Amino acid sequence: MSYILLFVQQYQPSAARAFFQLEAEFQEMERSSPQLPQGRRYQLLSEGEPTNTFVWECEFASLNDVQDALKKIADDPTHTALFEKQLPYIIEMRTEIYKVLDL
């Protein structure tokens, strides 16, 4: 059984350029830090949420792995500093965890 971790962020439309410039720094940080989870990034184009919604997604083998990843992210000072720069552009955010069903 596997699990999907999502970070869903709605950003200020007027700040899209600055938001995504910082997101590019997050992506580079992931690439250069093997201890951090390597996620995929999406921008919503239609339906459901407003189009100024960004989603980061990563799959894990176990719920314990999800919890370990969240702890590594929270404990990483570089990630924290970068998130603090991005936070003023975020209107709303949430963390979602899904269990992948194999029916």
Protein backbone atom coordinates (compact mmCIF):
# COMPACT_ATOMS: atom_id res chain seq x y z
CA MET A 1 0.00 0.00 0.00
CA SER A 2 1.27 3.48 -0.78
CA TYR A 3 0.37 7.01 0.27
CA ILE A 4 0.26 10.37 -1.48
CA LEU A 5 1.21 13.57 0.33
CA LEU A 6 -0.13 16.82 -1.11
CA PHE A 7 0.58 20.41 -0.21
CA VAL A 8 -2.19 22.55 -1.69
CA GLN A 9 -1.55 26.28 -1.75
CA GLN A 10 -3.68 29.07 -3.10
CA TYR A 11 -1.43 32.05 -3.89
CA GLN A 12 -2.19 35.69 -4.62
CA PRO A 13 -2.70 35.97 -8.40
CA SER A 14 -0.81 39.29 -8.47
CA ALA A 15 2.18 37.55 -6.86
CA ALA A 16 2.33 34.55 -9.20
CA ARG A 17 5.77 35.42 -10.59
CA ALA A 18 7.35 35.81 -7.13
CA PHE A 19 5.56 32.71 -5.82
CA PHE A 20 6.85 30.53 -8.66
CA GLN A 21 10.36 31.96 -8.49
CA LEU A 22 10.50 30.79 -4.88
CA GLU A 23 8.94 27.47 -5.88
CA ALA A 24 11.79 27.00 -8.37
CA GLU A 25 14.17 27.44 -5.43
CA PHE A 26 12.25 24.74 -3.52
CA GLN A 27 12.61 22.45 -6.52
CA GLU A 28 16.36 23.06 -6.72
CA MET A 29 16.68 22.49 -2.96
CA GLU A 30 14.92 19.11 -3.33
CA ARG A 31 17.25 18.12 -6.17
CA SER A 32 20.33 18.97 -4.12
CA SER A 33 19.08 17.51 -0.81
CA PRO A 34 18.52 13.75 -1.06
CA GLN A 35 17.11 13.66 2.49
CA LEU A 36 14.10 15.76 1.37
CA PRO A 37 11.21 14.20 -0.57
CA GLN A 38 11.31 14.75 -4.31
CA GLY A 39 7.85 16.01 -5.28
CA ARG A 40 5.99 16.84 -8.46
CA ARG A 41 4.42 20.24 -8.95
CA TYR A 42 1.09 21.14 -10.55
CA GLN A 43 -0.87 24.27 -11.28
CA LEU A 44 -4.63 23.89 -11.51
CA LEU A 45 -6.05 24.98 -14.84
CA SER A 46 -9.77 24.34 -14.38
CA GLU A 47 -12.53 23.17 -12.04
CA GLY A 48 -12.52 22.41 -8.34
CA GLU A 49 -10.20 25.03 -6.88
CA PRO A 50 -9.36 28.52 -8.15
CA THR A 51 -6.78 28.57 -10.94
CA ASN A 52 -4.28 30.28 -8.62
CA THR A 53 -3.91 26.94 -6.84
CA PHE A 54 -0.59 25.13 -6.70
CA VAL A 55 -0.13 21.49 -5.69
CA TRP A 56 3.03 19.70 -4.62
CA GLU A 57 2.70 15.90 -4.60
CA CYS A 58 4.90 13.01 -3.54
CA GLU A 59 4.25 9.27 -3.16
CA PHE A 60 5.51 7.18 -0.24
CA ALA A 61 5.58 3.46 0.50
CA SER A 62 4.09 3.81 3.99
CA LEU A 63 2.31 6.24 6.27
CA ASN A 64 5.40 6.17 8.48
CA ASP A 65 7.44 7.38 5.49
CA VAL A 66 4.99 10.28 5.04
CA GLN A 67 5.40 11.24 8.69
CA ASP A 68 9.19 10.99 8.43
CA ALA A 69 9.16 13.24 5.35
CA LEU A 70 7.00 15.84 7.10
CA LYS A 71 9.44 15.84 10.02
CA LYS A 72 12.46 16.22 7.72
CA ILE A 73 10.78 19.16 5.99
CA ALA A 74 9.86 20.80 9.30
CA ASP A 75 13.38 20.29 10.71
CA ASP A 76 15.24 21.59 7.65
CA PRO A 77 16.34 25.21 8.30
CA THR A 78 16.83 25.97 4.60
CA HIS A 79 13.31 24.79 3.79
CA THR A 80 11.91 26.80 6.69
CA ALA A 81 13.67 29.98 5.61
CA LEU A 82 12.48 29.60 2.02
CA PHE A 83 8.92 28.88 3.15
CA GLU A 84 8.95 32.04 5.28
CA LYS A 85 9.80 34.02 2.12
CA GLN A 86 6.92 32.40 0.23
CA LEU A 87 4.35 32.62 3.02
CA PRO A 88 3.32 36.27 2.37
CA TYR A 89 2.11 35.23 -1.11
CA ILE A 90 -0.06 32.37 0.16
CA ILE A 91 -3.76 33.03 0.74
CA GLU A 92 -4.68 29.56 1.93
CA MET A 93 -2.94 26.22 2.30
CA ARG A 94 -3.55 22.70 3.48
CA THR A 95 -1.79 19.36 3.71
CA GLU A 96 -3.58 16.25 2.45
CA ILE A 97 -2.62 12.59 2.77
CA TYR A 98 -4.25 9.94 0.60
CA LYS A 99 -4.06 6.17 0.81
CA VAL A 100 -3.70 4.63 -2.65
CA LEU A 101 -6.36 1.95 -3.04
CA ASP A 102 -5.62 -1.31 -4.76
CA LEU A 103 -9.13 -2.74 -5.09
